Protein backbone atom coordinates (compact mmCIF):
# COMPACT_ATOMS: atom_id res chain seq x y z
CA MET A 1 75.34 -79.03 55.80
CA CYS A 2 72.89 -81.86 56.33
CA GLY A 3 72.87 -85.49 55.30
CA ILE A 4 70.35 -87.60 53.42
CA VAL A 5 69.94 -91.37 53.09
CA CYS A 6 67.42 -92.92 50.70
CA TYR A 7 66.69 -96.59 50.05
CA LYS A 8 64.52 -98.71 47.78
CA GLY A 9 64.83 -102.48 47.80
CA ASN A 10 64.06 -105.70 49.63
CA LEU A 11 65.52 -104.87 53.06
CA ASN A 12 63.84 -103.11 55.96
CA ALA A 13 64.24 -99.50 54.83
CA ARG A 14 63.90 -98.16 58.37
CA ASN A 15 66.97 -100.05 59.56
CA VAL A 16 69.05 -99.18 56.50
CA ILE A 17 68.19 -95.48 56.66
CA VAL A 18 68.51 -94.96 60.43
CA GLU A 19 71.86 -96.74 60.49
CA GLY A 20 72.96 -94.61 57.55
CA LEU A 21 71.91 -91.44 59.36
CA GLU A 22 73.99 -92.42 62.38
CA ARG A 23 77.02 -92.56 60.11
CA LEU A 24 76.24 -89.06 58.83
CA GLU A 25 75.91 -87.33 62.21
CA TYR A 26 79.21 -85.57 61.57
CA ARG A 27 77.26 -83.57 58.94
CA GLY A 28 74.67 -82.33 61.41
CA TYR A 29 72.72 -83.38 64.47
CA ASP A 30 70.08 -80.76 65.20
CA SER A 31 67.29 -83.13 64.20
CA ALA A 32 66.58 -86.33 62.30
CA GLY A 33 63.63 -87.86 60.50
CA ILE A 34 62.43 -90.59 58.18
CA SER A 35 59.54 -91.24 55.78
CA LEU A 36 58.59 -94.73 54.62
CA ILE A 37 55.95 -96.08 52.26
CA LYS A 38 54.19 -99.38 52.88
CA ASP A 39 51.05 -100.65 51.10
CA GLY A 40 50.54 -97.28 49.44
CA LYS A 41 50.65 -95.31 52.71
CA LEU A 42 53.30 -92.68 53.54
CA SER A 43 54.36 -92.49 57.20
CA THR A 44 56.77 -89.95 58.71
CA VAL A 45 58.55 -89.71 62.05
CA LYS A 46 60.91 -86.81 62.80
CA LYS A 47 62.35 -85.37 65.98
CA SER A 48 64.58 -82.53 67.11
CA GLY A 49 67.86 -83.87 68.49
CA LYS A 50 70.33 -86.55 67.51
CA VAL A 51 69.52 -89.78 65.70
CA LYS A 52 69.16 -91.56 69.05
CA VAL A 53 66.09 -89.41 69.78
CA LEU A 54 64.61 -90.51 66.46
CA LYS A 55 65.42 -94.16 67.22
CA ASP A 56 63.70 -93.91 70.60
CA GLU A 57 60.63 -92.41 68.96
CA LEU A 58 60.57 -95.18 66.33
CA GLU A 59 60.65 -97.77 69.10
CA LYS A 60 57.51 -96.21 70.53
CA ASN A 61 55.85 -95.49 67.18
CA PRO A 62 57.34 -97.91 64.64
CA ILE A 63 56.86 -97.49 60.91
CA GLU A 64 57.89 -100.01 58.26
CA GLY A 65 58.49 -100.26 54.53
CA ASN A 66 61.00 -101.14 51.82
CA LEU A 67 61.06 -97.64 50.35
CA GLY A 68 62.06 -94.55 52.26
CA ILE A 69 64.05 -91.36 52.73
CA GLY A 70 65.85 -90.04 55.81
CA HIS A 71 67.59 -86.87 56.92
CA ILE A 72 70.03 -85.58 59.52
CA ARG A 73 69.91 -81.80 59.92
CA TRP A 74 72.26 -78.94 60.63
CA ALA A 75 69.98 -75.91 60.72
CA THR A 76 70.30 -73.17 58.11
CA HIS A 77 66.68 -72.01 57.62
CA GLY A 78 64.58 -72.23 60.76
CA GLY A 79 65.80 -73.30 64.18
CA PRO A 80 66.06 -76.91 65.39
CA SER A 81 62.55 -78.22 66.09
CA ASP A 82 60.28 -81.13 65.29
CA ILE A 83 58.38 -79.02 62.76
CA ASN A 84 61.52 -77.84 60.96
CA SER A 85 62.94 -81.36 60.85
CA HIS A 86 62.96 -83.26 57.57
CA PRO A 87 61.32 -84.98 55.74
CA HIS A 88 58.92 -82.25 54.67
CA LEU A 89 55.54 -83.05 53.17
CA SER A 90 53.32 -81.60 50.52
CA ASN A 91 50.04 -80.00 51.60
CA ASP A 92 48.12 -83.18 50.81
CA GLY A 93 50.65 -85.25 52.80
CA LYS A 94 51.36 -87.59 49.90
CA ILE A 95 54.83 -86.37 48.83
CA ALA A 96 57.87 -86.39 51.13
CA VAL A 97 61.20 -84.63 50.49
CA VAL A 98 64.62 -84.60 52.18
CA HIS A 99 67.20 -81.99 51.23
CA ASN A 100 70.84 -81.10 51.81
CA GLY A 101 71.75 -77.60 50.64
CA ILE A 102 70.08 -74.21 50.33
CA ILE A 103 67.26 -73.12 48.02
CA GLU A 104 68.31 -69.51 47.47
CA ASN A 105 65.00 -68.34 45.98
CA TYR A 106 62.74 -70.16 48.43
CA ASN A 107 61.14 -66.96 49.78
CA GLU A 108 60.12 -65.90 46.29
CA LEU A 109 58.74 -69.38 45.52
CA LYS A 110 56.99 -69.55 48.90
CA GLU A 111 55.19 -66.24 48.42
CA GLY A 112 54.06 -67.30 44.94
CA LEU A 113 52.73 -70.62 46.23
CA LYS A 114 50.91 -68.88 49.08
CA LYS A 115 49.09 -66.72 46.56
CA GLU A 116 47.96 -69.92 44.86
CA GLY A 117 46.47 -71.16 48.13
CA TYR A 118 49.22 -73.43 49.43
CA THR A 119 50.16 -73.31 53.13
CA PHE A 120 53.39 -73.92 55.05
CA LYS A 121 54.05 -75.33 58.52
CA SER A 122 57.81 -74.84 58.85
CA ASP A 123 60.38 -72.07 58.49
CA THR A 124 62.53 -74.12 56.11
CA ASP A 125 63.40 -73.73 52.47
CA THR A 126 62.84 -77.45 51.89
CA GLU A 127 59.08 -77.47 52.47
CA VAL A 128 58.81 -75.24 49.40
CA VAL A 129 60.24 -78.08 47.28
CA ALA A 130 57.61 -80.56 48.50
CA VAL A 131 54.78 -78.13 47.81
CA LEU A 132 56.21 -77.15 44.43
CA ILE A 133 56.32 -80.80 43.33
CA GLU A 134 52.73 -81.19 44.54
CA LYS A 135 51.74 -78.23 42.40
CA TYR A 136 53.19 -79.84 39.28
CA TYR A 137 52.09 -83.40 40.08
CA ASP A 138 49.68 -84.83 37.52
CA GLY A 139 50.09 -88.56 37.97
CA ASP A 140 53.81 -88.77 37.13
CA LEU A 141 56.31 -87.98 39.90
CA LEU A 142 59.26 -87.83 37.51
CA GLU A 143 57.65 -85.18 35.34
CA ALA A 144 56.63 -83.15 38.40
CA VAL A 145 60.20 -83.21 39.73
CA LYS A 146 61.62 -82.22 36.33
CA LYS A 147 59.30 -79.20 36.23
CA ALA A 148 59.93 -78.25 39.85
CA ARG A 149 63.72 -78.24 39.53
CA LEU A 150 63.49 -75.66 36.75
CA ASP A 151 62.13 -73.25 39.38
CA LEU A 152 64.82 -73.97 41.98
CA ARG A 153 67.91 -71.84 42.39
CA GLY A 154 70.67 -72.86 44.79
CA SER A 155 72.39 -76.02 45.96
CA TYR A 156 70.60 -79.24 46.71
CA ALA A 157 70.69 -82.99 46.98
CA LEU A 158 67.09 -84.19 47.12
CA GLY A 159 65.34 -87.45 47.90
CA ILE A 160 61.67 -87.64 46.92
CA ILE A 161 58.92 -90.25 47.35
CA SER A 162 55.13 -90.21 46.84
CA GLU A 163 52.51 -92.58 48.21
CA ASN A 164 50.79 -92.36 44.82
CA GLU A 165 53.78 -94.18 43.31
CA ASP A 166 54.91 -96.60 46.01
CA ASP A 167 57.55 -98.33 43.89
CA ARG A 168 59.49 -95.19 42.96
CA LEU A 169 62.30 -93.14 44.47
CA ILE A 170 63.75 -90.03 42.82
CA VAL A 171 67.01 -88.36 43.82
CA LEU A 172 68.80 -85.42 42.22
CA ARG A 173 71.95 -83.40 42.73
CA GLU A 174 72.88 -79.77 42.19
CA GLU A 175 76.10 -78.61 43.93
CA SER A 176 75.50 -80.72 47.07
CA PRO A 177 77.18 -84.15 47.22
CA LEU A 178 75.18 -87.30 46.43
CA VAL A 179 76.37 -90.86 45.88
CA LEU A 180 74.40 -93.84 44.57
CA GLY A 181 75.08 -97.32 46.00
CA LEU A 182 74.13 -100.38 43.95
CA THR A 183 73.42 -103.59 45.89
CA GLU A 184 71.81 -106.94 45.16
CA SER A 185 69.04 -106.05 47.59
CA GLY A 186 68.29 -102.56 46.34
CA ILE A 187 69.63 -99.07 45.67
CA LEU A 188 70.84 -96.50 48.19
CA ALA A 189 71.50 -92.81 47.75
CA ALA A 190 73.39 -90.85 50.40
CA SER A 191 75.35 -87.68 51.02
CA ASP A 192 78.50 -89.64 51.82
CA LEU A 193 79.99 -93.12 51.56
CA PRO A 194 79.86 -94.22 55.24
CA SER A 195 76.10 -94.72 54.85
CA ILE A 196 76.61 -96.99 51.86
CA ILE A 197 79.76 -99.07 52.27
CA LYS A 198 78.27 -101.64 54.66
CA TYR A 199 76.05 -102.78 51.82
CA THR A 200 78.14 -102.31 48.71
CA LYS A 201 81.38 -101.04 47.22
CA ASP A 202 79.75 -100.36 43.85
CA VAL A 203 78.92 -96.67 43.74
CA ILE A 204 78.09 -93.95 41.25
CA TYR A 205 79.30 -90.42 41.99
CA LEU A 206 76.54 -88.26 40.57
CA ASP A 207 77.41 -85.11 38.65
CA ASN A 208 75.80 -81.72 39.04
CA GLY A 209 72.40 -81.71 37.36
CA ASP A 210 71.96 -85.49 37.57
CA LEU A 211 68.49 -86.82 38.34
CA VAL A 212 68.01 -90.53 39.10
CA ASP A 213 64.63 -92.20 38.64
CA ILE A 214 64.60 -95.48 40.60
CA ASN A 215 61.44 -97.22 39.42
CA GLY A 216 60.82 -100.88 40.19
CA ASP A 217 64.12 -102.74 40.00
CA LYS A 218 65.72 -100.34 37.51
CA TYR A 219 67.26 -96.90 37.62
CA THR A 220 67.62 -94.26 34.91
CA ILE A 221 69.94 -91.27 35.14
CA TYR A 222 69.07 -87.98 33.42
CA ASN A 223 71.38 -84.99 33.04
CA ARG A 224 70.40 -81.37 33.48
CA ASP A 225 68.92 -81.35 29.96
CA ASN A 226 66.78 -84.40 30.85
CA GLU A 227 68.75 -86.63 28.49
CA GLU A 228 69.25 -90.26 29.52
CA ILE A 229 72.91 -90.87 30.32
CA GLU A 230 75.22 -93.51 31.79
CA ARG A 231 77.52 -92.81 34.74
CA GLU A 232 80.56 -94.91 35.59
CA ILE A 233 80.25 -97.42 38.42
CA SER A 234 83.24 -97.01 40.75
CA LYS A 235 84.65 -99.34 43.40
CA VAL A 236 85.10 -97.99 46.93
CA THR A 237 88.60 -98.83 48.14
CA PHE A 238 88.09 -98.59 51.92
CA SER A 239 86.08 -100.92 54.12
CA PHE A 240 83.06 -100.53 56.35
CA GLU A 241 85.37 -101.03 59.34
CA ASP A 242 87.39 -97.97 58.26
CA ALA A 243 84.34 -95.86 59.03
CA THR A 244 83.72 -97.38 62.50
CA LYS A 245 85.43 -96.76 65.86
CA GLU A 246 87.15 -100.19 66.08
CA GLY A 247 87.30 -100.17 69.87
CA TYR A 248 88.25 -96.52 70.37
CA ASP A 249 85.99 -94.33 72.51
CA HIS A 250 85.63 -91.73 69.78
CA PHE A 251 86.37 -91.27 66.11
CA MET A 252 88.66 -88.34 66.87
CA ILE A 253 91.11 -90.38 68.95
CA LYS A 254 90.89 -93.23 66.44
CA GLU A 255 91.78 -90.86 63.62
CA ILE A 256 94.62 -89.27 65.60
CA ASN A 257 96.05 -92.76 66.07
CA GLU A 258 95.61 -93.58 62.38
CA GLN A 259 98.04 -90.86 61.35
CA PRO A 260 101.17 -93.03 61.09
CA ARG A 261 99.43 -95.27 58.55
CA ALA A 262 97.71 -92.35 56.79
CA ILE A 263 100.98 -90.44 56.40
CA ALA A 264 102.78 -93.58 55.22
CA ASP A 265 100.09 -94.18 52.59
CA THR A 266 100.24 -90.55 51.49
CA ILE A 267 103.99 -90.87 50.94
CA LYS A 268 103.78 -94.29 49.29
CA TYR A 269 101.22 -93.28 46.69
CA LYS A 270 103.27 -90.25 45.66
CA MET A 271 106.47 -92.20 45.03
CA HIS A 272 107.74 -94.27 42.12
CA GLU A 273 111.12 -95.98 42.07
CA GLY A 274 112.36 -93.88 44.98
CA ASP A 275 111.34 -90.52 43.54
CA ILE A 276 108.34 -88.21 43.96
CA ASP A 277 105.88 -88.87 41.15
CA PHE A 278 102.40 -87.36 40.87
CA GLY A 279 101.73 -89.11 37.57
CA GLU A 280 99.18 -87.39 35.36
CA ASN A 281 98.60 -84.77 38.07
CA ALA A 282 102.21 -83.56 37.98
CA PHE A 283 103.21 -80.25 36.44
CA THR A 284 106.02 -80.17 33.89
CA LYS A 285 109.09 -78.02 34.33
CA GLU A 286 107.80 -75.68 31.63
CA GLU A 287 104.43 -75.29 33.36
CA ILE A 288 106.08 -74.58 36.71
CA GLU A 289 108.41 -72.00 35.15
CA GLY A 290 105.28 -70.24 33.87
CA PHE A 291 103.91 -69.66 37.37
CA ASN A 292 104.88 -66.27 38.79
CA LYS A 293 102.98 -66.82 42.03
CA ILE A 294 100.93 -69.38 43.92
CA TYR A 295 97.73 -68.78 45.86
CA MET A 296 96.93 -71.18 48.70
CA VAL A 297 93.17 -70.90 49.25
CA ALA A 298 91.17 -72.92 51.79
CA CYS A 299 89.03 -72.86 54.94
CA GLY A 300 89.56 -73.92 58.56
CA THR A 301 92.06 -76.69 59.18
CA ALA A 302 92.77 -77.02 55.46
CA TYR A 303 93.75 -73.34 55.43
CA ASN A 304 96.07 -73.92 58.37
CA ALA A 305 97.71 -76.79 56.46
CA GLY A 306 98.06 -74.40 53.53
CA ILE A 307 99.95 -71.89 55.68
CA VAL A 308 102.55 -74.55 56.48
CA GLY A 309 102.59 -75.71 52.85
CA ALA A 310 103.20 -72.16 51.67
CA TYR A 311 106.44 -72.14 53.66
CA ALA A 312 107.64 -75.24 51.76
CA PHE A 313 107.00 -73.71 48.34
CA GLU A 314 108.82 -70.51 49.24
CA LYS A 315 111.75 -72.25 50.94
CA PHE A 316 112.29 -75.11 48.49
CA ALA A 317 110.91 -73.89 45.15
CA LYS A 318 111.49 -70.14 45.69
CA ILE A 319 108.01 -69.27 44.41
CA PRO A 320 106.08 -66.55 46.28
CA VAL A 321 102.88 -67.82 47.87
CA ILE A 322 99.84 -65.84 48.97
CA THR A 323 97.58 -67.58 51.50
CA ASP A 324 93.93 -66.56 51.58
CA ILE A 325 90.80 -67.73 53.33
CA ALA A 326 88.42 -69.07 50.69
CA SER A 327 85.40 -67.16 51.98
CA GLU A 328 87.36 -63.90 51.52
CA PHE A 329 89.22 -64.77 48.33
CA ARG A 330 86.54 -63.86 45.80
CA TYR A 331 85.89 -60.51 47.44
CA ASN A 332 89.54 -59.46 47.60
CA ASP A 333 89.79 -58.93 43.84
CA PRO A 334 92.82 -61.26 43.67
CA PHE A 335 95.58 -60.63 41.13
CA ILE A 336 95.31 -63.90 39.26
CA ASP A 337 95.78 -64.71 35.61
CA LYS A 338 97.09 -67.49 33.37
CA ASN A 339 100.47 -67.32 35.15
CA SER A 340 98.95 -68.07 38.57
CA LEU A 341 98.61 -71.45 40.23
CA ILE A 342 95.78 -71.78 42.73
CA ILE A 343 96.16 -74.64 45.23
CA LEU A 344 92.95 -75.49 47.08
CA PRO A 345 93.15 -77.91 50.03
CA SER A 346 89.83 -79.36 51.23
CA GLN A 347 89.33 -82.56 53.21
CA SER A 348 85.84 -83.21 51.85
CA GLY A 349 86.31 -81.72 48.41
CA GLU A 350 82.86 -80.17 48.85
CA THR A 351 83.64 -76.96 50.77
CA ALA A 352 81.37 -74.37 49.19
CA ASP A 353 83.66 -71.35 49.59
CA THR A 354 86.66 -73.26 48.25
CA LEU A 355 84.60 -74.46 45.29
CA ALA A 356 83.58 -70.87 44.54
CA ALA A 357 87.24 -69.79 44.70
CA LEU A 358 88.19 -72.54 42.25
CA ARG A 359 85.54 -71.41 39.79
CA LEU A 360 86.72 -67.80 40.00
CA ALA A 361 90.30 -68.90 39.38
CA ARG A 362 89.29 -70.87 36.32
CA GLU A 363 87.28 -67.94 34.98
CA LYS A 364 90.44 -65.84 35.15
CA GLY A 365 92.50 -68.46 33.34
CA ALA A 366 94.58 -69.67 36.31
CA LYS A 367 95.67 -73.27 36.75
CA THR A 368 93.94 -75.03 39.65
CA LEU A 369 95.18 -77.89 41.78
CA VAL A 370 92.97 -79.45 44.46
CA LEU A 371 94.31 -81.32 47.47
CA THR A 372 91.51 -83.50 48.85
CA ASN A 373 90.74 -86.67 50.72
CA VAL A 374 87.65 -87.57 48.68
CA VAL A 375 87.87 -89.02 45.19
CA ALA A 376 85.25 -87.72 42.74
CA SER A 377 84.24 -84.87 45.02
CA SER A 378 83.06 -81.62 43.43
CA LEU A 379 86.47 -79.94 43.73
CA ASP A 380 88.17 -83.03 42.32
CA ARG A 381 85.96 -83.07 39.25
CA GLU A 382 86.28 -79.36 38.49
CA ALA A 383 90.02 -78.80 39.09
CA ASP A 384 92.72 -79.02 36.43
CA LYS A 385 94.69 -81.41 38.62
CA THR A 386 94.06 -83.23 41.90
CA ILE A 387 96.32 -84.70 44.56
CA TYR A 388 94.72 -87.13 47.01
CA CYS A 389 95.64 -87.30 50.68
CA TYR A 390 94.83 -91.00 51.13
CA ALA A 391 93.95 -90.38 54.78
CA GLY A 392 90.91 -92.66 54.63
CA PRO A 393 87.47 -91.61 55.88
CA GLU A 394 87.53 -88.89 58.51
CA ILE A 395 84.34 -89.02 60.56
CA ALA A 396 85.05 -86.76 63.56
CA VAL A 397 84.08 -83.17 62.89
CA ALA A 398 87.49 -81.92 64.08
CA SER A 399 89.98 -82.76 61.35
CA THR A 400 93.26 -84.42 62.37
CA LYS A 401 94.71 -86.91 59.90
CA ALA A 402 93.58 -84.83 56.91
CA TYR A 403 95.71 -81.94 58.25
CA THR A 404 98.93 -83.93 58.55
CA THR A 405 98.47 -85.72 55.22
CA GLN A 406 97.75 -82.38 53.53
CA ILE A 407 101.02 -80.95 54.89
CA ILE A 408 102.99 -83.99 53.72
CA SER A 409 101.34 -83.79 50.29
CA LEU A 410 102.15 -80.08 49.97
CA TYR A 411 105.76 -80.64 51.04
CA MET A 412 106.19 -83.38 48.46
CA LEU A 413 104.64 -81.18 45.78
CA ALA A 414 106.97 -78.32 46.76
CA LEU A 415 109.97 -80.68 46.55
CA ASP A 416 108.81 -81.86 43.12
CA PHE A 417 108.65 -78.22 41.97
CA ALA A 418 112.05 -77.46 43.50
CA LYS A 419 113.75 -80.39 41.83
CA LYS A 420 112.33 -79.51 38.41
CA LEU A 421 113.28 -75.86 38.81
CA GLY A 422 116.76 -76.64 40.13
CA THR A 423 116.25 -74.53 43.25
CA ILE A 424 117.37 -77.38 45.51
CA SER A 425 120.40 -79.64 45.28
CA GLU A 426 119.99 -83.36 44.68
CA ASP A 427 121.52 -84.12 48.08
CA GLU A 428 119.18 -81.75 49.90
CA TYR A 429 116.20 -83.15 47.97
CA LYS A 430 117.10 -86.71 48.98
CA ASN A 431 117.77 -85.75 52.59
CA ILE A 432 114.39 -84.04 53.02
CA LEU A 433 112.66 -86.96 51.32
CA GLU A 434 114.30 -89.43 53.68
CA GLU A 435 113.22 -87.33 56.66
CA ILE A 436 109.65 -87.29 55.31
CA LYS A 437 109.69 -91.09 55.03
CA ALA A 438 110.73 -91.30 58.71
CA ILE A 439 107.80 -89.20 59.93
CA PRO A 440 105.26 -92.06 60.43
CA GLU A 441 107.49 -93.84 62.95
CA LYS A 442 108.12 -90.60 64.82
CA VAL A 443 104.39 -89.95 65.03
CA LYS A 444 104.04 -93.43 66.57
CA GLU A 445 106.56 -92.41 69.25
CA ILE A 446 104.46 -89.38 70.13
CA LEU A 447 101.26 -91.42 70.31
CA ASN A 448 102.90 -93.71 72.86
CA ASN A 449 103.77 -90.80 75.17
CA ILE A 450 100.56 -89.17 76.33
CA GLU A 451 100.53 -89.11 80.15
CA ASP A 452 101.66 -85.47 80.58
CA ILE A 453 99.15 -84.41 77.95
CA LYS A 454 96.34 -86.04 79.95
CA LYS A 455 97.55 -84.34 83.16
CA TYR A 456 97.66 -80.90 81.56
CA ALA A 457 94.20 -81.47 80.06
CA GLN A 458 92.85 -82.01 83.58
CA GLU A 459 94.53 -78.79 84.76
CA ILE A 460 93.09 -76.60 82.00
CA LYS A 461 89.62 -78.08 81.52
CA ASP A 462 87.87 -75.52 83.72
CA PHE A 463 89.58 -72.45 82.29
CA GLU A 464 87.56 -70.18 80.02
CA SER A 465 90.55 -68.86 78.09
CA MET A 466 94.12 -69.87 77.20
CA PHE A 467 96.83 -69.03 74.71
CA TYR A 468 99.20 -70.63 72.22
CA LEU A 469 102.60 -69.15 71.34
CA GLY A 470 105.09 -69.80 68.57
CA ARG A 471 107.38 -68.08 66.09
CA GLY A 472 107.93 -68.73 62.40
CA LEU A 473 106.76 -72.23 61.45
CA ASP A 474 105.88 -72.83 65.09
CA TYR A 475 103.36 -69.99 64.91
CA SER A 476 101.77 -71.73 61.91
CA SER A 477 101.57 -74.87 64.03
CA VAL A 478 99.91 -73.27 67.06
CA ILE A 479 97.23 -71.68 64.87
CA GLU A 480 95.97 -75.20 64.22
CA GLY A 481 96.46 -76.26 67.85
CA ALA A 482 94.35 -73.35 69.12
CA LEU A 483 91.63 -74.07 66.55
CA LYS A 484 91.51 -77.74 67.56
CA LEU A 485 91.11 -76.92 71.26
CA LYS A 486 88.37 -74.33 70.75
CA GLU A 487 86.50 -76.64 68.34
CA VAL A 488 86.13 -79.54 70.73
CA SER A 489 86.53 -78.13 74.28
CA TYR A 490 84.76 -74.75 73.88
CA ILE A 491 87.66 -73.04 75.66
CA HIS A 492 88.53 -69.70 74.11
CA SER A 493 92.03 -70.41 72.80
CA GLU A 494 94.04 -67.89 70.82
CA ALA A 495 97.28 -68.33 68.91
CA PHE A 496 99.81 -65.48 68.96
CA ALA A 497 103.16 -64.89 67.34
CA ALA A 498 105.37 -64.95 70.44
CA GLY A 499 107.31 -61.86 69.37
CA GLU A 500 104.07 -59.84 69.46
CA LEU A 501 103.52 -60.39 73.18
CA LYS A 502 104.93 -57.03 74.17
CA HIS A 503 102.61 -55.25 71.71
CA GLY A 504 99.50 -55.92 73.78
CA THR A 505 98.90 -59.64 74.21
CA ILE A 506 100.89 -59.97 77.41
CA ALA A 507 98.26 -57.88 79.19
CA LEU A 508 96.05 -61.00 79.13
CA ILE A 509 98.52 -63.16 81.06
CA GLU A 510 97.91 -63.55 84.79
CA GLU A 511 98.66 -66.08 87.52
CA GLY A 512 97.79 -69.60 86.33
CA THR A 513 96.91 -68.68 82.73
CA PRO A 514 97.47 -71.80 80.58
CA VAL A 515 99.91 -71.22 77.70
CA VAL A 516 100.95 -73.83 75.14
CA THR A 517 104.25 -73.02 73.48
CA VAL A 518 105.75 -74.71 70.42
CA ALA A 519 109.49 -74.12 70.03
CA THR A 520 111.25 -76.19 67.36
CA GLN A 521 112.91 -73.77 64.96
CA SER A 522 116.64 -73.58 65.64
CA ASN A 523 117.14 -70.16 64.04
CA ILE A 524 114.80 -68.42 66.52
CA ILE A 525 114.78 -70.76 69.51
CA GLU A 526 116.60 -68.32 71.79
CA LYS A 527 114.10 -65.58 71.05
CA THR A 528 111.19 -67.98 71.66
CA ILE A 529 112.64 -68.98 75.04
CA SER A 530 112.96 -65.31 75.93
CA ASN A 531 109.27 -64.79 75.09
CA VAL A 532 108.29 -67.81 77.19
CA LYS A 533 110.21 -66.40 80.15
CA GLU A 534 108.19 -63.19 79.78
CA VAL A 535 104.88 -65.02 80.30
CA ILE A 536 106.32 -67.26 83.03
CA SER A 537 107.25 -64.13 84.99
CA ARG A 538 103.56 -63.15 84.83
CA GLY A 539 102.47 -66.52 86.27
CA ALA A 540 101.65 -68.53 83.14
CA ASN A 541 101.25 -72.32 83.37
CA ILE A 542 103.43 -73.50 80.47
CA PHE A 543 103.05 -76.64 78.38
CA ALA A 544 106.05 -76.55 76.04
CA ILE A 545 106.28 -78.69 72.91
CA CYS A 546 109.93 -78.62 72.03
CA THR A 547 113.07 -80.37 70.77
CA PRO A 548 115.49 -82.32 72.99
CA ASP A 549 118.08 -79.55 73.23
CA ASP A 550 116.34 -76.21 73.58
CA HIS A 551 116.30 -76.00 77.44
CA LEU A 552 112.56 -75.27 77.73
CA GLU A 553 112.24 -78.35 79.91
CA GLU A 554 114.08 -76.49 82.68
CA ILE A 555 111.64 -73.58 82.88
CA SER A 556 108.24 -75.02 81.85
CA ASN A 557 105.57 -76.67 83.99
CA TYR A 558 105.39 -79.41 81.37
CA ALA A 559 107.77 -80.06 78.51
CA TYR A 560 106.82 -82.45 75.75
CA ILE A 561 109.99 -83.49 73.91
CA LEU A 562 109.46 -84.28 70.23
CA PRO A 563 111.48 -86.86 68.28
CA LYS A 564 114.21 -85.26 66.21
CA THR A 565 113.62 -84.25 62.62
CA ILE A 566 114.63 -81.35 60.38
CA ASP A 567 113.18 -77.95 61.24
CA ALA A 568 110.94 -77.85 58.17
CA LEU A 569 109.06 -81.00 59.23
CA TYR A 570 108.43 -80.17 62.87
CA PRO A 571 104.91 -78.82 62.18
CA VAL A 572 103.79 -82.39 61.37
CA LEU A 573 105.14 -83.70 64.69
CA ALA A 574 104.28 -80.68 66.85
CA VAL A 575 100.59 -80.78 65.95
CA ILE A 576 100.09 -84.32 67.30
CA PRO A 577 100.43 -83.37 71.01
CA GLN A 578 98.16 -80.40 70.33
CA GLN A 579 95.52 -82.67 68.79
CA LEU A 580 95.79 -85.00 71.77
CA LEU A 581 95.51 -82.10 74.22
CA ALA A 582 92.33 -80.92 72.52
CA TYR A 583 90.88 -84.43 72.62
CA TYR A 584 91.67 -85.16 76.26
CA THR A 585 90.51 -81.73 77.41
CA SER A 586 87.19 -82.19 75.66
CA ASN A 587 86.88 -85.68 77.09
CA ALA A 588 87.65 -84.39 80.60
CA LYS A 589 84.82 -81.89 80.22
CA GLY A 590 82.35 -84.58 79.15
CA ILE A 591 81.76 -83.05 75.72
CA ASP A 592 80.74 -85.13 72.70
CA VAL A 593 84.13 -84.73 71.05
CA ASP A 594 83.11 -86.17 67.68
CA LYS A 595 80.16 -83.81 67.30
CA PRO A 596 80.97 -80.43 68.87
CA ARG A 597 78.14 -77.95 69.04
CA ASN A 598 77.32 -75.65 66.11
CA LEU A 599 79.80 -77.38 63.77
CA ALA A 600 79.44 -79.73 60.82
CA LYS A 601 82.08 -81.80 59.08
CA SER A 602 81.56 -80.66 55.53
CA VAL A 603 80.63 -77.00 55.02
CA THR A 604 78.69 -77.21 51.78
CA VAL A 605 77.00 -73.80 52.04
CA GLU A 606 78.55 -70.34 52.05
């Protein structure tokens, strides 16, 4: 859950690496550091805190060079401190290492190295790697790294330099993401594309086990068996500007406002001649008929999108769906076999628990389909089939446009299944599809109507606790709304099925308690209104997100009226005001909304 940036070339490595680290702060921001080599001398500067703290230190104590490695940290072993910051050095101070991932057997390795006389300054697992390479070093850094990695167990993306070989950079990947960027002025390696795309669109997505030896002006890739191999050079399709704020105050509000385009792209790339078409990633009618159940397995916001998607598969395709949190899935002894389809949404495609769930499913013979925003991610490469969200880069830690594009993708997949199975009429299929196509414009309407949301954000910003209510699909929607608010505002926000109020929850409602209610489902709207009246009678301050004709406007403190659509699609519209409320509440509290405390964008460890 960290980020690394490495560079070797003709440019000022300090500038390239520090700028790259700033673009990776969504992966962690407990500390940052950099090591550079110039004229055969290794220099390191690292500080606890965000990249700005590192930049300030480099202004006071500048280091230079054309070869270097950098790191942004989200602590897993050892608390945030200067000492625990990366890069970590060998005992002789000549080898520097940066690392994203977890070395599972580091304690065992550390104790063995101590017995051999080596010492350690930090509490991290990464320092063990630097010392281990030092142990094996005998004049050839590549051979030392090859030997050291045989001893390592766990997940890692590593960047390694040595002042003894000041024209060489080595990077390697095992389970943690790592991308190579090829430029006319040198070679970059980074945990994610935002650090690379300013300089090049030519990238290599490294596979598990890949080791890259960048020596002089050339690079050689070795696989896990140390065989020289070639990897395909891919073209990045989005621009450097896509990964910048473009005038917005924060990435989160930029990404919320990008949803009309993101949803439109998601729809466009899944259509051909007016019909849903997933191309080579589609399932045939015969394959679909072979599925007796679907598992929807994911984490966080992706899991919440899966809950809504599960509704679509059951309603349209009439296939039972079991939703499960990926971190629990493997330990629940799931009933999966060759007749099961496992759908795994993940924005990054690198979520460790989701990746583990995919591997279990494949071991048991199930078909796997990944829904991701990142091409060539680990989940993408290992799944039987992949559907892309086409949301574009999502930099803010709190996911927004990935959620809505995941729901749209799942709905379109469910419709594709339903049409092939004959569980939906042609007219109904076309009607739902037309309503889906209209969603981007309706999201634009919502984004142009934000004043009441800002007012309510000011009213609730100082509360320690608040609640979200909904029934049916609306309950699925408020689960995501509550998560978004707690992520970025630090207000304890809890989503409840409105019908459960009388079974205990209503005891928490008192005068002034903020309650967000989503009420869009026509078949239960009267019951939802009755539940809202119950909390109003206890003094709740209601922000209702509702349809034009459900009368909540008459009884709520605030009523946000959504554009009309069919009931099934309201979760896509209803979440937008909830995202905006989370953003403006966080902003009103003066919180760094793009980088909320204790969180990282891509959870690449269990």
